[in-house]
Amino acid sequence: MIKDLILKNRSYRRFFQEHAIPFDFLKELVSLARMSPSGRNLQPLKYWLSCDPETNEKIFQTLSWAAYLKDWNGPGEGEKPSAYIVILGDTRLTTNFMCDHGIVSQSMLLGAVEQGLGGCIFASINRKKLSELLKLDDHFEILLVLALGKPKETVVIDDVKNDDIKYYRDEKQVHHVPKRSIDELILNEK
């Protein structure tokens, strides 16, 4: 059921780095993205795929990992993602990508979760550096990066308390993500 996939689809930040993800599987995820809705059906997104450890390390160095975890600079060796999908906007087609990159990110992550994998969506990216490292043409705008791998951490959902929405790790390194209640989200009654 889709609800089960959504509940398993957390923002994972530590992975079993040695768990390889084949390039063909990344292409399958992009195929899910390709079939997802697109504003005006313009389909202006392109993708840079990496499951190569050397390229992965270059991409890793351009990402900011967890702003609320002040004493953590990201996963260490052995816990880094096995693959990345860099989502690009082709400015030859448009400069307004609407919410297409969000839609395709969710589609691809649900596809990954269905296969026992997980990921994290990154918008905090050193775009200039990543563009140079990947030798992207100027007409490609980096929109998001998906980090993918076999999760090596437990992520749980908690209720928001005292309006504090900051995620945190407990003493056992379980990652807690507070979520607002359904009653807080829905503004009307019947």
N, C-alpha and C. Protein backbone atom coordinates (compact mmCIF):
# COMPACT_ATOMS: atom_id res chain seq x y z
N MET A 1 0.83 -1.18 0.00
CA MET A 1 0.00 0.00 0.00
C MET A 1 0.88 1.25 0.00
N ILE A 2 0.44 2.29 -0.64
CA ILE A 2 1.22 3.52 -0.76
C ILE A 2 1.54 4.13 0.61
N LYS A 3 0.61 4.04 1.56
CA LYS A 3 0.86 4.59 2.90
C LYS A 3 2.09 3.95 3.54
N ASP A 4 2.23 2.64 3.38
CA ASP A 4 3.39 1.95 3.94
C ASP A 4 4.69 2.46 3.33
N LEU A 5 4.70 2.67 2.03
CA LEU A 5 5.89 3.20 1.36
C LEU A 5 6.21 4.61 1.85
N ILE A 6 5.19 5.44 2.00
CA ILE A 6 5.40 6.81 2.46
C ILE A 6 5.96 6.81 3.88
N LEU A 7 5.45 5.95 4.74
CA LEU A 7 5.95 5.88 6.12
C LEU A 7 7.40 5.39 6.17
N LYS A 8 7.80 4.54 5.23
CA LYS A 8 9.19 4.06 5.17
C LYS A 8 10.11 5.07 4.49
N ASN A 9 9.53 6.00 3.75
CA ASN A 9 10.32 6.97 2.99
C ASN A 9 10.72 8.14 3.90
N ARG A 10 11.76 7.95 4.65
CA ARG A 10 12.29 8.96 5.55
C ARG A 10 13.52 9.59 4.90
N SER A 11 14.02 10.67 5.49
CA SER A 11 15.28 11.26 5.02
C SER A 11 16.42 10.54 5.73
N TYR A 12 16.97 9.54 5.06
CA TYR A 12 18.08 8.78 5.63
C TYR A 12 19.39 9.49 5.32
N ARG A 13 20.28 9.50 6.31
CA ARG A 13 21.56 10.19 6.14
C ARG A 13 22.77 9.30 6.41
N ARG A 14 22.53 8.06 6.76
CA ARG A 14 23.62 7.09 6.94
C ARG A 14 23.23 5.80 6.23
N PHE A 15 24.18 5.24 5.51
CA PHE A 15 23.91 4.10 4.65
C PHE A 15 25.00 3.03 4.79
N PHE A 16 24.69 1.83 4.32
CA PHE A 16 25.70 0.80 4.15
C PHE A 16 26.39 1.11 2.83
N GLN A 17 27.51 1.82 2.92
CA GLN A 17 28.18 2.34 1.72
C GLN A 17 28.60 1.23 0.77
N GLU A 18 28.94 0.06 1.30
CA GLU A 18 29.41 -1.04 0.45
C GLU A 18 28.28 -1.68 -0.35
N HIS A 19 27.02 -1.38 0.00
CA HIS A 19 25.88 -1.93 -0.74
C HIS A 19 25.76 -1.21 -2.08
N ALA A 20 26.19 -1.86 -3.13
CA ALA A 20 26.22 -1.25 -4.46
C ALA A 20 24.81 -1.10 -5.03
N ILE A 21 24.61 0.00 -5.73
CA ILE A 21 23.37 0.23 -6.47
C ILE A 21 23.75 0.31 -7.95
N PRO A 22 23.23 -0.60 -8.76
CA PRO A 22 23.60 -0.62 -10.18
C PRO A 22 23.07 0.59 -10.95
N PHE A 23 23.81 0.99 -11.96
CA PHE A 23 23.42 2.11 -12.82
C PHE A 23 22.04 1.85 -13.44
N ASP A 24 21.78 0.60 -13.83
CA ASP A 24 20.48 0.29 -14.43
C ASP A 24 19.32 0.53 -13.46
N PHE A 25 19.55 0.33 -12.15
CA PHE A 25 18.51 0.62 -11.19
C PHE A 25 18.26 2.13 -11.12
N LEU A 26 19.32 2.93 -11.19
CA LEU A 26 19.15 4.39 -11.21
C LEU A 26 18.34 4.80 -12.44
N LYS A 27 18.60 4.14 -13.56
CA LYS A 27 17.81 4.42 -14.77
C LYS A 27 16.34 4.06 -14.57
N GLU A 28 16.05 2.98 -13.83
CA GLU A 28 14.67 2.63 -13.53
C GLU A 28 14.00 3.72 -12.70
N LEU A 29 14.74 4.30 -11.75
CA LEU A 29 14.19 5.39 -10.95
C LEU A 29 13.89 6.60 -11.82
N VAL A 30 14.79 6.91 -12.75
CA VAL A 30 14.53 8.02 -13.67
C VAL A 30 13.32 7.71 -14.56
N SER A 31 13.12 6.44 -14.86
CA SER A 31 11.93 6.06 -15.64
C SER A 31 10.66 6.38 -14.85
N LEU A 32 10.70 6.20 -13.53
CA LEU A 32 9.55 6.60 -12.70
C LEU A 32 9.36 8.11 -12.76
N ALA A 33 10.48 8.84 -12.70
CA ALA A 33 10.42 10.30 -12.80
C ALA A 33 9.83 10.72 -14.14
N ARG A 34 10.24 10.04 -15.19
CA ARG A 34 9.78 10.36 -16.54
C ARG A 34 8.28 10.22 -16.68
N MET A 35 7.70 9.28 -15.95
CA MET A 35 6.26 9.04 -16.02
C MET A 35 5.47 9.90 -15.03
N SER A 36 6.15 10.69 -14.23
CA SER A 36 5.48 11.53 -13.23
C SER A 36 4.90 12.78 -13.89
N PRO A 37 3.92 13.41 -13.23
CA PRO A 37 3.35 14.65 -13.78
C PRO A 37 4.41 15.74 -13.95
N SER A 38 4.19 16.60 -14.93
CA SER A 38 5.08 17.73 -15.20
C SER A 38 4.22 18.93 -15.55
N GLY A 39 4.50 20.07 -14.91
CA GLY A 39 3.76 21.29 -15.20
C GLY A 39 3.81 21.60 -16.70
N ARG A 40 2.67 21.85 -17.28
CA ARG A 40 2.51 22.13 -18.71
C ARG A 40 2.99 20.96 -19.58
N ASN A 41 3.26 19.81 -18.94
CA ASN A 41 3.85 18.64 -19.59
C ASN A 41 5.13 18.98 -20.35
N LEU A 42 5.83 19.99 -19.85
CA LEU A 42 7.04 20.46 -20.52
C LEU A 42 8.20 19.47 -20.38
N GLN A 43 8.27 18.77 -19.26
CA GLN A 43 9.32 17.78 -19.02
C GLN A 43 10.72 18.39 -19.17
N PRO A 44 11.02 19.44 -18.40
CA PRO A 44 12.29 20.14 -18.57
C PRO A 44 13.45 19.59 -17.73
N LEU A 45 13.23 18.48 -17.05
CA LEU A 45 14.26 17.97 -16.15
C LEU A 45 15.16 16.97 -16.85
N LYS A 46 16.42 16.99 -16.44
CA LYS A 46 17.43 16.03 -16.90
C LYS A 46 18.11 15.48 -15.64
N TYR A 47 18.89 14.41 -15.79
CA TYR A 47 19.43 13.72 -14.62
C TYR A 47 20.88 13.32 -14.85
N TRP A 48 21.67 13.49 -13.81
CA TRP A 48 23.06 13.01 -13.80
C TRP A 48 23.10 11.89 -12.79
N LEU A 49 23.48 10.69 -13.20
CA LEU A 49 23.46 9.50 -12.34
C LEU A 49 24.87 9.10 -11.95
N SER A 50 25.04 8.72 -10.69
CA SER A 50 26.34 8.25 -10.25
C SER A 50 26.20 7.10 -9.27
N CYS A 51 26.89 6.01 -9.57
CA CYS A 51 27.06 4.91 -8.62
C CYS A 51 28.55 4.55 -8.56
N ASP A 52 29.38 5.44 -9.07
CA ASP A 52 30.82 5.29 -9.09
C ASP A 52 31.39 5.92 -7.81
N PRO A 53 32.15 5.17 -7.01
CA PRO A 53 32.66 5.70 -5.74
C PRO A 53 33.44 7.01 -5.87
N GLU A 54 34.22 7.16 -6.91
CA GLU A 54 35.01 8.39 -7.08
C GLU A 54 34.10 9.60 -7.36
N THR A 55 33.15 9.44 -8.25
CA THR A 55 32.20 10.52 -8.54
C THR A 55 31.31 10.78 -7.33
N ASN A 56 30.90 9.70 -6.66
CA ASN A 56 30.09 9.85 -5.45
C ASN A 56 30.79 10.75 -4.42
N GLU A 57 32.07 10.55 -4.24
CA GLU A 57 32.81 11.35 -3.27
C GLU A 57 32.82 12.83 -3.67
N LYS A 58 32.95 13.09 -4.95
CA LYS A 58 32.91 14.48 -5.42
C LYS A 58 31.56 15.12 -5.12
N ILE A 59 30.49 14.39 -5.39
CA ILE A 59 29.15 14.91 -5.12
C ILE A 59 28.95 15.10 -3.62
N PHE A 60 29.37 14.12 -2.84
CA PHE A 60 29.24 14.18 -1.38
C PHE A 60 29.84 15.47 -0.81
N GLN A 61 30.98 15.88 -1.33
CA GLN A 61 31.68 17.06 -0.82
C GLN A 61 30.93 18.37 -1.08
N THR A 62 29.91 18.35 -1.93
CA THR A 62 29.18 19.57 -2.27
C THR A 62 27.87 19.72 -1.50
N LEU A 63 27.56 18.76 -0.62
CA LEU A 63 26.27 18.74 0.07
C LEU A 63 26.40 19.15 1.53
N SER A 64 25.38 19.82 2.05
CA SER A 64 25.28 20.11 3.47
C SER A 64 24.30 19.11 4.06
N TRP A 65 24.71 18.40 5.10
CA TRP A 65 24.03 17.17 5.48
C TRP A 65 22.89 17.26 6.48
N ALA A 66 22.94 18.06 7.51
CA ALA A 66 21.85 18.06 8.51
C ALA A 66 21.99 19.29 9.38
N ALA A 67 21.31 20.35 9.01
CA ALA A 67 21.47 21.64 9.67
C ALA A 67 21.12 21.59 11.16
N TYR A 68 20.14 20.79 11.54
CA TYR A 68 19.73 20.75 12.96
C TYR A 68 20.70 19.93 13.81
N LEU A 69 21.52 19.10 13.21
CA LEU A 69 22.49 18.30 13.96
C LEU A 69 23.82 19.04 13.98
N LYS A 70 23.95 19.96 14.92
CA LYS A 70 25.09 20.90 14.95
C LYS A 70 26.45 20.22 15.09
N ASP A 71 26.50 19.07 15.77
CA ASP A 71 27.78 18.40 16.02
C ASP A 71 28.05 17.26 15.04
N TRP A 72 27.37 17.29 13.91
CA TRP A 72 27.52 16.21 12.93
C TRP A 72 27.72 16.81 11.55
N ASN A 73 28.81 16.43 10.91
CA ASN A 73 29.14 16.98 9.59
C ASN A 73 28.76 16.07 8.43
N GLY A 74 27.97 15.06 8.71
CA GLY A 74 27.57 14.13 7.66
C GLY A 74 28.13 12.75 7.93
N PRO A 75 27.73 11.80 7.13
CA PRO A 75 28.15 10.43 7.35
C PRO A 75 29.65 10.24 7.15
N GLY A 76 30.21 9.36 7.97
CA GLY A 76 31.63 9.03 7.83
C GLY A 76 31.85 7.95 6.80
N GLU A 77 33.10 7.63 6.59
CA GLU A 77 33.45 6.57 5.65
C GLU A 77 32.75 5.28 6.06
N GLY A 78 32.17 4.59 5.10
CA GLY A 78 31.42 3.37 5.37
C GLY A 78 29.93 3.63 5.55
N GLU A 79 29.54 4.92 5.71
CA GLU A 79 28.14 5.28 5.91
C GLU A 79 27.62 6.24 4.84
N LYS A 80 28.44 6.48 3.83
CA LYS A 80 28.06 7.43 2.78
C LYS A 80 27.13 6.76 1.77
N PRO A 81 26.39 7.55 1.00
CA PRO A 81 25.49 6.98 -0.02
C PRO A 81 26.24 6.16 -1.07
N SER A 82 25.54 5.20 -1.63
CA SER A 82 26.10 4.36 -2.69
C SER A 82 25.84 4.94 -4.07
N ALA A 83 24.91 5.89 -4.14
CA ALA A 83 24.55 6.44 -5.45
C ALA A 83 23.92 7.82 -5.26
N TYR A 84 23.92 8.57 -6.35
CA TYR A 84 23.29 9.89 -6.38
C TYR A 84 22.56 10.08 -7.69
N ILE A 85 21.49 10.86 -7.61
CA ILE A 85 20.82 11.35 -8.80
C ILE A 85 20.77 12.86 -8.66
N VAL A 86 21.44 13.55 -9.58
CA VAL A 86 21.43 15.01 -9.61
C VAL A 86 20.31 15.42 -10.56
N ILE A 87 19.37 16.19 -10.03
CA ILE A 87 18.22 16.62 -10.83
C ILE A 87 18.51 18.01 -11.39
N LEU A 88 18.45 18.11 -12.70
CA LEU A 88 18.82 19.34 -13.40
C LEU A 88 17.63 19.91 -14.15
N GLY A 89 17.57 21.23 -14.21
CA GLY A 89 16.59 21.90 -15.05
C GLY A 89 17.27 22.37 -16.32
N ASP A 90 16.69 22.07 -17.44
CA ASP A 90 17.24 22.48 -18.73
C ASP A 90 16.66 23.86 -19.08
N THR A 91 17.49 24.89 -18.90
CA THR A 91 17.02 26.27 -19.11
C THR A 91 16.77 26.59 -20.58
N ARG A 92 17.13 25.69 -21.49
CA ARG A 92 16.78 25.89 -22.90
C ARG A 92 15.28 25.68 -23.09
N LEU A 93 14.66 24.94 -22.16
CA LEU A 93 13.23 24.66 -22.25
C LEU A 93 12.40 25.65 -21.42
N THR A 94 12.91 26.04 -20.25
CA THR A 94 12.24 27.00 -19.38
C THR A 94 13.18 27.39 -18.25
N THR A 95 12.85 28.48 -17.58
CA THR A 95 13.58 28.84 -16.36
C THR A 95 12.67 28.69 -15.14
N ASN A 96 11.42 28.26 -15.37
CA ASN A 96 10.47 28.04 -14.29
C ASN A 96 10.15 26.55 -14.24
N PHE A 97 10.79 25.85 -13.33
CA PHE A 97 10.62 24.40 -13.24
C PHE A 97 9.47 24.00 -12.33
N MET A 98 8.75 25.04 -11.85
CA MET A 98 7.57 24.84 -11.02
C MET A 98 7.92 23.87 -9.88
N CYS A 99 7.11 22.87 -9.67
CA CYS A 99 7.41 21.90 -8.60
C CYS A 99 7.78 20.54 -9.18
N ASP A 100 8.14 20.52 -10.44
CA ASP A 100 8.46 19.24 -11.10
C ASP A 100 9.54 18.45 -10.35
N HIS A 101 10.58 19.13 -9.89
CA HIS A 101 11.69 18.42 -9.24
C HIS A 101 11.26 17.81 -7.90
N GLY A 102 10.30 18.42 -7.22
CA GLY A 102 9.76 17.82 -6.00
C GLY A 102 8.95 16.58 -6.30
N ILE A 103 8.13 16.67 -7.34
CA ILE A 103 7.30 15.52 -7.73
C ILE A 103 8.17 14.33 -8.12
N VAL A 104 9.17 14.56 -8.97
CA VAL A 104 10.00 13.43 -9.42
C VAL A 104 10.86 12.88 -8.29
N SER A 105 11.26 13.74 -7.37
CA SER A 105 12.05 13.26 -6.22
C SER A 105 11.25 12.26 -5.41
N GLN A 106 10.00 12.60 -5.13
CA GLN A 106 9.15 11.69 -4.36
C GLN A 106 8.92 10.39 -5.14
N SER A 107 8.68 10.48 -6.43
CA SER A 107 8.47 9.27 -7.23
C SER A 107 9.70 8.36 -7.17
N MET A 108 10.88 8.95 -7.33
CA MET A 108 12.10 8.13 -7.32
C MET A 108 12.38 7.55 -5.94
N LEU A 109 12.16 8.33 -4.88
CA LEU A 109 12.40 7.82 -3.54
C LEU A 109 11.42 6.70 -3.19
N LEU A 110 10.17 6.82 -3.59
CA LEU A 110 9.22 5.74 -3.34
C LEU A 110 9.64 4.47 -4.09
N GLY A 111 10.16 4.64 -5.29
CA GLY A 111 10.68 3.49 -6.04
C GLY A 111 11.87 2.85 -5.34
N ALA A 112 12.73 3.67 -4.75
CA ALA A 112 13.89 3.16 -4.00
C ALA A 112 13.43 2.42 -2.75
N VAL A 113 12.49 3.02 -2.02
CA VAL A 113 11.99 2.41 -0.79
C VAL A 113 11.33 1.07 -1.08
N GLU A 114 10.61 0.99 -2.17
CA GLU A 114 9.96 -0.26 -2.54
C GLU A 114 10.96 -1.40 -2.69
N GLN A 115 12.21 -1.06 -3.03
CA GLN A 115 13.27 -2.06 -3.22
C GLN A 115 14.19 -2.18 -2.00
N GLY A 116 13.76 -1.64 -0.85
CA GLY A 116 14.55 -1.77 0.38
C GLY A 116 15.65 -0.75 0.53
N LEU A 117 15.63 0.27 -0.30
CA LEU A 117 16.63 1.33 -0.23
C LEU A 117 16.00 2.57 0.39
N GLY A 118 16.78 3.60 0.54
CA GLY A 118 16.28 4.87 1.06
C GLY A 118 17.13 5.99 0.53
N GLY A 119 16.76 7.21 0.89
CA GLY A 119 17.52 8.34 0.39
C GLY A 119 17.22 9.61 1.14
N CYS A 120 17.81 10.66 0.64
CA CYS A 120 17.63 11.98 1.20
C CYS A 120 17.68 12.99 0.05
N ILE A 121 16.75 13.95 0.11
CA ILE A 121 16.71 15.01 -0.90
C ILE A 121 17.53 16.19 -0.41
N PHE A 122 18.44 16.68 -1.23
CA PHE A 122 19.27 17.81 -0.87
C PHE A 122 18.98 19.02 -1.75
N ALA A 123 18.72 20.14 -1.09
CA ALA A 123 18.62 21.42 -1.77
C ALA A 123 19.77 22.32 -1.35
N SER A 124 20.42 21.97 -0.23
CA SER A 124 21.57 22.74 0.26
C SER A 124 22.83 22.16 -0.39
N ILE A 125 23.17 22.76 -1.52
CA ILE A 125 24.21 22.23 -2.42
C ILE A 125 25.14 23.37 -2.82
N ASN A 126 26.42 23.09 -2.89
CA ASN A 126 27.34 24.05 -3.50
C ASN A 126 27.21 23.83 -5.02
N ARG A 127 26.26 24.52 -5.61
CA ARG A 127 25.89 24.29 -7.01
C ARG A 127 27.02 24.63 -7.97
N LYS A 128 27.72 25.70 -7.69
CA LYS A 128 28.82 26.10 -8.58
C LYS A 128 29.89 25.02 -8.62
N LYS A 129 30.28 24.54 -7.44
CA LYS A 129 31.32 23.51 -7.36
C LYS A 129 30.85 22.21 -8.01
N LEU A 130 29.60 21.81 -7.73
CA LEU A 130 29.10 20.56 -8.31
C LEU A 130 29.00 20.67 -9.83
N SER A 131 28.55 21.78 -10.32
CA SER A 131 28.46 21.98 -11.76
C SER A 131 29.84 21.85 -12.41
N GLU A 132 30.85 22.43 -11.77
CA GLU A 132 32.22 22.33 -12.29
C GLU A 132 32.73 20.89 -12.23
N LEU A 133 32.48 20.20 -11.12
CA LEU A 133 32.95 18.82 -10.97
C LEU A 133 32.33 17.89 -12.00
N LEU A 134 31.06 18.11 -12.29
CA LEU A 134 30.37 17.25 -13.26
C LEU A 134 30.51 17.75 -14.69
N LYS A 135 31.17 18.90 -14.85
CA LYS A 135 31.38 19.50 -16.17
C LYS A 135 30.05 19.69 -16.92
N LEU A 136 29.09 20.29 -16.19
CA LEU A 136 27.77 20.52 -16.78
C LEU A 136 27.79 21.72 -17.71
N ASP A 137 27.04 21.65 -18.78
CA ASP A 137 26.86 22.79 -19.67
C ASP A 137 26.11 23.89 -18.92
N ASP A 138 26.34 25.13 -19.32
CA ASP A 138 25.75 26.29 -18.63
C ASP A 138 24.23 26.30 -18.63
N HIS A 139 23.60 25.63 -19.57
CA HIS A 139 22.14 25.66 -19.62
C HIS A 139 21.48 24.67 -18.66
N PHE A 140 22.28 23.97 -17.85
CA PHE A 140 21.71 23.07 -16.84
C PHE A 140 21.80 23.71 -15.47
N GLU A 141 20.65 23.85 -14.81
CA GLU A 141 20.58 24.39 -13.46
C GLU A 141 20.40 23.22 -12.48
N ILE A 142 21.29 23.14 -11.49
CA ILE A 142 21.16 22.09 -10.48
C ILE A 142 20.00 22.47 -9.56
N LEU A 143 19.00 21.59 -9.49
CA LEU A 143 17.81 21.84 -8.67
C LEU A 143 17.87 21.10 -7.34
N LEU A 144 18.12 19.81 -7.39
CA LEU A 144 18.18 18.98 -6.20
C LEU A 144 19.17 17.84 -6.42
N VAL A 145 19.60 17.23 -5.33
CA VAL A 145 20.41 16.01 -5.39
C VAL A 145 19.74 14.97 -4.50
N LEU A 146 19.57 13.77 -5.04
CA LEU A 146 19.09 12.64 -4.24
C LEU A 146 20.28 11.77 -3.88
N ALA A 147 20.48 11.55 -2.58
CA ALA A 147 21.47 10.60 -2.10
C ALA A 147 20.74 9.29 -1.85
N LEU A 148 21.30 8.18 -2.31
CA LEU A 148 20.61 6.90 -2.23
C LEU A 148 21.51 5.82 -1.65
N GLY A 149 20.90 4.89 -0.95
CA GLY A 149 21.64 3.77 -0.42
C GLY A 149 20.75 2.87 0.41
N LYS A 150 21.37 1.83 0.97
CA LYS A 150 20.66 0.95 1.91
C LYS A 150 20.79 1.60 3.28
N PRO A 151 19.66 2.01 3.90
CA PRO A 151 19.73 2.74 5.16
C PRO A 151 20.46 1.97 6.26
N LYS A 152 21.28 2.73 7.01
CA LYS A 152 22.05 2.18 8.12
C LYS A 152 21.63 2.86 9.42
N GLU A 153 20.44 3.39 9.44
CA GLU A 153 19.96 4.05 10.64
C GLU A 153 18.45 3.85 10.77
N THR A 154 17.99 4.05 11.98
CA THR A 154 16.57 3.99 12.26
C THR A 154 16.04 5.42 12.34
N VAL A 155 14.96 5.68 11.62
CA VAL A 155 14.31 6.99 11.65
C VAL A 155 12.88 6.75 12.12
N VAL A 156 12.48 7.50 13.15
CA VAL A 156 11.13 7.36 13.68
C VAL A 156 10.41 8.71 13.63
N ILE A 157 9.10 8.62 13.54
CA ILE A 157 8.26 9.82 13.52
C ILE A 157 7.68 10.03 14.91
N ASP A 158 7.79 11.25 15.42
CA ASP A 158 7.22 11.63 16.71
C ASP A 158 6.21 12.73 16.49
N ASP A 159 5.37 12.96 17.48
CA ASP A 159 4.47 14.11 17.46
C ASP A 159 5.26 15.37 17.83
N VAL A 160 4.93 16.48 17.20
CA VAL A 160 5.54 17.76 17.56
C VAL A 160 5.11 18.12 18.98
N LYS A 161 6.09 18.54 19.78
CA LYS A 161 5.80 19.00 21.14
C LYS A 161 6.33 20.42 21.29
N ASN A 162 5.54 21.29 21.89
CA ASN A 162 5.94 22.69 22.12
C ASN A 162 6.36 23.38 20.83
N ASP A 163 5.73 23.01 19.73
CA ASP A 163 5.97 23.60 18.42
C ASP A 163 7.43 23.44 17.94
N ASP A 164 8.13 22.44 18.47
CA ASP A 164 9.52 22.18 18.09
C ASP A 164 9.55 21.13 16.99
N ILE A 165 9.87 21.54 15.76
CA ILE A 165 9.87 20.65 14.60
C ILE A 165 11.27 20.15 14.24
N LYS A 166 12.28 20.49 15.05
CA LYS A 166 13.66 20.11 14.73
C LYS A 166 13.89 18.61 14.93
N TYR A 167 14.42 17.97 13.90
CA TYR A 167 14.78 16.57 14.04
C TYR A 167 16.01 16.46 14.93
N TYR A 168 16.21 15.29 15.52
CA TYR A 168 17.34 15.10 16.45
C TYR A 168 17.67 13.62 16.53
N ARG A 169 18.81 13.32 17.13
CA ARG A 169 19.21 11.94 17.40
C ARG A 169 19.28 11.75 18.91
N ASP A 170 18.77 10.61 19.34
CA ASP A 170 18.83 10.32 20.78
C ASP A 170 20.16 9.65 21.12
N GLU A 171 20.31 9.24 22.37
CA GLU A 171 21.58 8.66 22.85
C GLU A 171 21.92 7.35 22.14
N LYS A 172 20.93 6.68 21.54
CA LYS A 172 21.17 5.45 20.78
C LYS A 172 21.33 5.73 19.29
N GLN A 173 21.39 6.99 18.92
CA GLN A 173 21.55 7.44 17.54
C GLN A 173 20.34 7.15 16.66
N VAL A 174 19.18 6.96 17.29
CA VAL A 174 17.93 6.86 16.55
C VAL A 174 17.56 8.28 16.12
N HIS A 175 17.22 8.43 14.87
CA HIS A 175 16.89 9.74 14.31
C HIS A 175 15.39 9.98 14.49
N HIS A 176 15.03 11.05 15.18
CA HIS A 176 13.62 11.39 15.46
C HIS A 176 13.19 12.57 14.59
N VAL A 177 12.02 12.44 13.98
CA VAL A 177 11.48 13.48 13.12
C VAL A 177 10.08 13.85 13.62
N PRO A 178 9.94 15.02 14.27
CA PRO A 178 8.62 15.44 14.75
C PRO A 178 7.72 15.86 13.58
N LYS A 179 6.46 15.43 13.64
CA LYS A 179 5.46 15.78 12.62
C LYS A 179 4.26 16.41 13.31
N ARG A 180 3.70 17.43 12.68
CA ARG A 180 2.51 18.10 13.19
C ARG A 180 1.29 17.17 13.10
N SER A 181 0.34 17.36 13.97
CA SER A 181 -0.85 16.51 13.98
C SER A 181 -1.76 16.84 12.79
N ILE A 182 -2.59 15.87 12.43
CA ILE A 182 -3.54 16.07 11.34
C ILE A 182 -4.51 17.20 11.67
N ASP A 183 -4.89 17.32 12.94
CA ASP A 183 -5.83 18.38 13.34
C ASP A 183 -5.23 19.76 13.17
N GLU A 184 -3.92 19.87 13.31
CA GLU A 184 -3.26 21.16 13.11
C GLU A 184 -3.19 21.54 11.62
N LEU A 185 -3.17 20.55 10.77
CA LEU A 185 -3.00 20.79 9.34
C LEU A 185 -4.31 21.15 8.63
N ILE A 186 -5.38 20.53 9.06
CA ILE A 186 -6.66 20.76 8.38
C ILE A 186 -7.38 21.92 9.07
N LEU A 187 -7.71 22.94 8.29
CA LEU A 187 -8.24 24.18 8.84
C LEU A 187 -9.76 24.21 8.99
N ASN A 188 -10.46 23.36 8.26
CA ASN A 188 -11.91 23.39 8.34
C ASN A 188 -12.46 22.09 8.90
N GLU A 189 -13.73 22.13 9.35
CA GLU A 189 -14.42 20.93 9.82
C GLU A 189 -15.56 20.64 8.87
N LYS A 190 -15.52 19.54 8.23
CA LYS A 190 -16.56 19.10 7.29
C LYS A 190 -17.06 20.19 6.40
